């Protein structure tokens, strides 16, 4: 099973576009180093953003993040 990123509606106004991109990549199963390489930042920067993302979405795990984004219809399971 793979996850597919959906369009990015205004459902998550508390996340910046950069945070949303990171959240989607993480929810798709990418590791922090993979996300960092893909968007051109350091692993620590990804970790910093994830801390903020988790707080904004009231989650504390990658699986909860994926579930939250799926519930907002930002991810679709294939």
C-alpha atoms as a PDB file:
ATOM      1  CA  UNK A   1       0.000   0.000   0.000  1.00  0.00           C
ATOM      2  CA  UNK A   2       1.257   3.469  -0.871  1.00  0.00           C
ATOM      3  CA  UNK A   3       0.104   6.866   0.172  1.00  0.00           C
ATOM      4  CA  UNK A   4      -0.570   9.541  -2.368  1.00  0.00           C
ATOM      5  CA  UNK A   5      -0.409  13.259  -1.614  1.00  0.00           C
ATOM      6  CA  UNK A   6      -3.665  15.000  -2.370  1.00  0.00           C
ATOM      7  CA  UNK A   7      -4.140  18.638  -3.270  1.00  0.00           C
ATOM      8  CA  UNK A   8      -3.260  21.012  -0.481  1.00  0.00           C
ATOM      9  CA  UNK A   9      -6.489  22.751   0.517  1.00  0.00           C
ATOM     10  CA  UNK A  10      -6.697  25.502   3.087  1.00  0.00           C
ATOM     11  CA  UNK A  11      -7.711  22.887   5.682  1.00  0.00           C
ATOM     12  CA  UNK A  12      -4.479  23.330   7.649  1.00  0.00           C
ATOM     13  CA  UNK A  13      -4.140  27.104   7.986  1.00  0.00           C
ATOM     14  CA  UNK A  14      -1.902  26.734  11.033  1.00  0.00           C
ATOM     15  CA  UNK A  15       0.830  25.013   8.984  1.00  0.00           C
ATOM     16  CA  UNK A  16       3.048  27.072   6.723  1.00  0.00           C
ATOM     17  CA  UNK A  17       3.472  25.784   3.150  1.00  0.00           C
ATOM     18  CA  UNK A  18       6.987  24.612   4.133  1.00  0.00           C
ATOM     19  CA  UNK A  19       5.672  22.772   7.207  1.00  0.00           C
ATOM     20  CA  UNK A  20       2.907  21.180   5.149  1.00  0.00           C
ATOM     21  CA  UNK A  21       5.432  19.916   2.597  1.00  0.00           C
ATOM     22  CA  UNK A  22       7.556  18.392   5.378  1.00  0.00           C
ATOM     23  CA  UNK A  23       4.483  16.895   7.057  1.00  0.00           C
ATOM     24  CA  UNK A  24       3.350  15.264   3.810  1.00  0.00           C
ATOM     25  CA  UNK A  25       6.795  13.809   3.094  1.00  0.00           C
ATOM     26  CA  UNK A  26       7.050  12.409   6.621  1.00  0.00           C
ATOM     27  CA  UNK A  27       3.518  11.021   6.441  1.00  0.00           C
ATOM     28  CA  UNK A  28       4.428   9.334   3.144  1.00  0.00           C
ATOM     29  CA  UNK A  29       7.105   7.421   5.021  1.00  0.00           C
ATOM     30  CA  UNK A  30      10.258   9.398   4.295  1.00  0.00           C
ATOM     31  CA  UNK A  31      12.916   9.565   7.018  1.00  0.00           C
ATOM     32  CA  UNK A  32      14.161  12.890   8.362  1.00  0.00           C
ATOM     33  CA  UNK A  33      17.423  12.646   6.356  1.00  0.00           C
ATOM     34  CA  UNK A  34      15.429  11.828   3.197  1.00  0.00           C
ATOM     35  CA  UNK A  35      13.136  14.813   3.752  1.00  0.00           C
ATOM     36  CA  UNK A  36      16.145  17.043   4.420  1.00  0.00           C
ATOM     37  CA  UNK A  37      17.859  15.967   1.202  1.00  0.00           C
ATOM     38  CA  UNK A  38      14.685  16.376  -0.824  1.00  0.00           C
ATOM     39  CA  UNK A  39      13.978  19.939   0.303  1.00  0.00           C
ATOM     40  CA  UNK A  40      17.580  21.103   0.762  1.00  0.00           C
ATOM     41  CA  UNK A  41      17.811  21.614   4.523  1.00  0.00           C
ATOM     42  CA  UNK A  42      19.585  19.834   7.369  1.00  0.00           C
ATOM     43  CA  UNK A  43      18.150  16.914   9.320  1.00  0.00           C
ATOM     44  CA  UNK A  44      18.047  19.155  12.403  1.00  0.00           C
ATOM     45  CA  UNK A  45      15.931  21.692  10.521  1.00  0.00           C
ATOM     46  CA  UNK A  46      13.466  18.935   9.635  1.00  0.00           C
ATOM     47  CA  UNK A  47      13.387  17.868  13.296  1.00  0.00           C
ATOM     48  CA  UNK A  48      12.737  21.481  14.352  1.00  0.00           C
ATOM     49  CA  UNK A  49       9.850  21.798  11.903  1.00  0.00           C
ATOM     50  CA  UNK A  50       8.421  18.432  12.976  1.00  0.00           C
ATOM     51  CA  UNK A  51       8.371  19.602  16.590  1.00  0.00           C
ATOM     52  CA  UNK A  52       6.297  22.608  15.515  1.00  0.00           C
ATOM     53  CA  UNK A  53       4.072  20.515  13.233  1.00  0.00           C
ATOM     54  CA  UNK A  54       3.369  17.985  15.974  1.00  0.00           C
ATOM     55  CA  UNK A  55       2.439  20.784  18.395  1.00  0.00           C
ATOM     56  CA  UNK A  56       0.165  22.509  15.890  1.00  0.00           C
ATOM     57  CA  UNK A  57      -1.652  19.268  15.020  1.00  0.00           C
ATOM     58  CA  UNK A  58      -1.633  17.909  18.599  1.00  0.00           C
ATOM     59  CA  UNK A  59       0.207  14.711  17.658  1.00  0.00           C
ATOM     60  CA  UNK A  60       3.439  13.187  18.907  1.00  0.00           C
ATOM     61  CA  UNK A  61       4.244  10.422  16.410  1.00  0.00           C
ATOM     62  CA  UNK A  62       4.721  10.051  12.678  1.00  0.00           C
ATOM     63  CA  UNK A  63       1.830   7.591  12.512  1.00  0.00           C
ATOM     64  CA  UNK A  64      -0.470  10.079  14.234  1.00  0.00           C
ATOM     65  CA  UNK A  65       0.689  12.746  11.789  1.00  0.00           C
ATOM     66  CA  UNK A  66      -0.186  10.503   8.837  1.00  0.00           C
ATOM     67  CA  UNK A  67      -3.573   9.729  10.364  1.00  0.00           C
ATOM     68  CA  UNK A  68      -4.265  13.432  10.993  1.00  0.00           C
ATOM     69  CA  UNK A  69      -3.354  14.388   7.423  1.00  0.00           C
ATOM     70  CA  UNK A  70      -5.427  11.517   6.075  1.00  0.00           C
ATOM     71  CA  UNK A  71      -8.369  12.684   8.174  1.00  0.00           C
ATOM     72  CA  UNK A  72      -7.957  16.148   6.655  1.00  0.00           C
ATOM     73  CA  UNK A  73      -8.007  14.489   3.228  1.00  0.00           C
ATOM     74  CA  UNK A  74      -4.418  15.539   2.517  1.00  0.00           C
ATOM     75  CA  UNK A  75      -3.318  11.922   2.051  1.00  0.00           C
ATOM     76  CA  UNK A  76      -5.062   9.115   0.250  1.00  0.00           C
ATOM     77  CA  UNK A  77      -4.274   5.427   0.640  1.00  0.00           C
ATOM     78  CA  UNK A  78      -3.866   3.553  -2.645  1.00  0.00           C
END
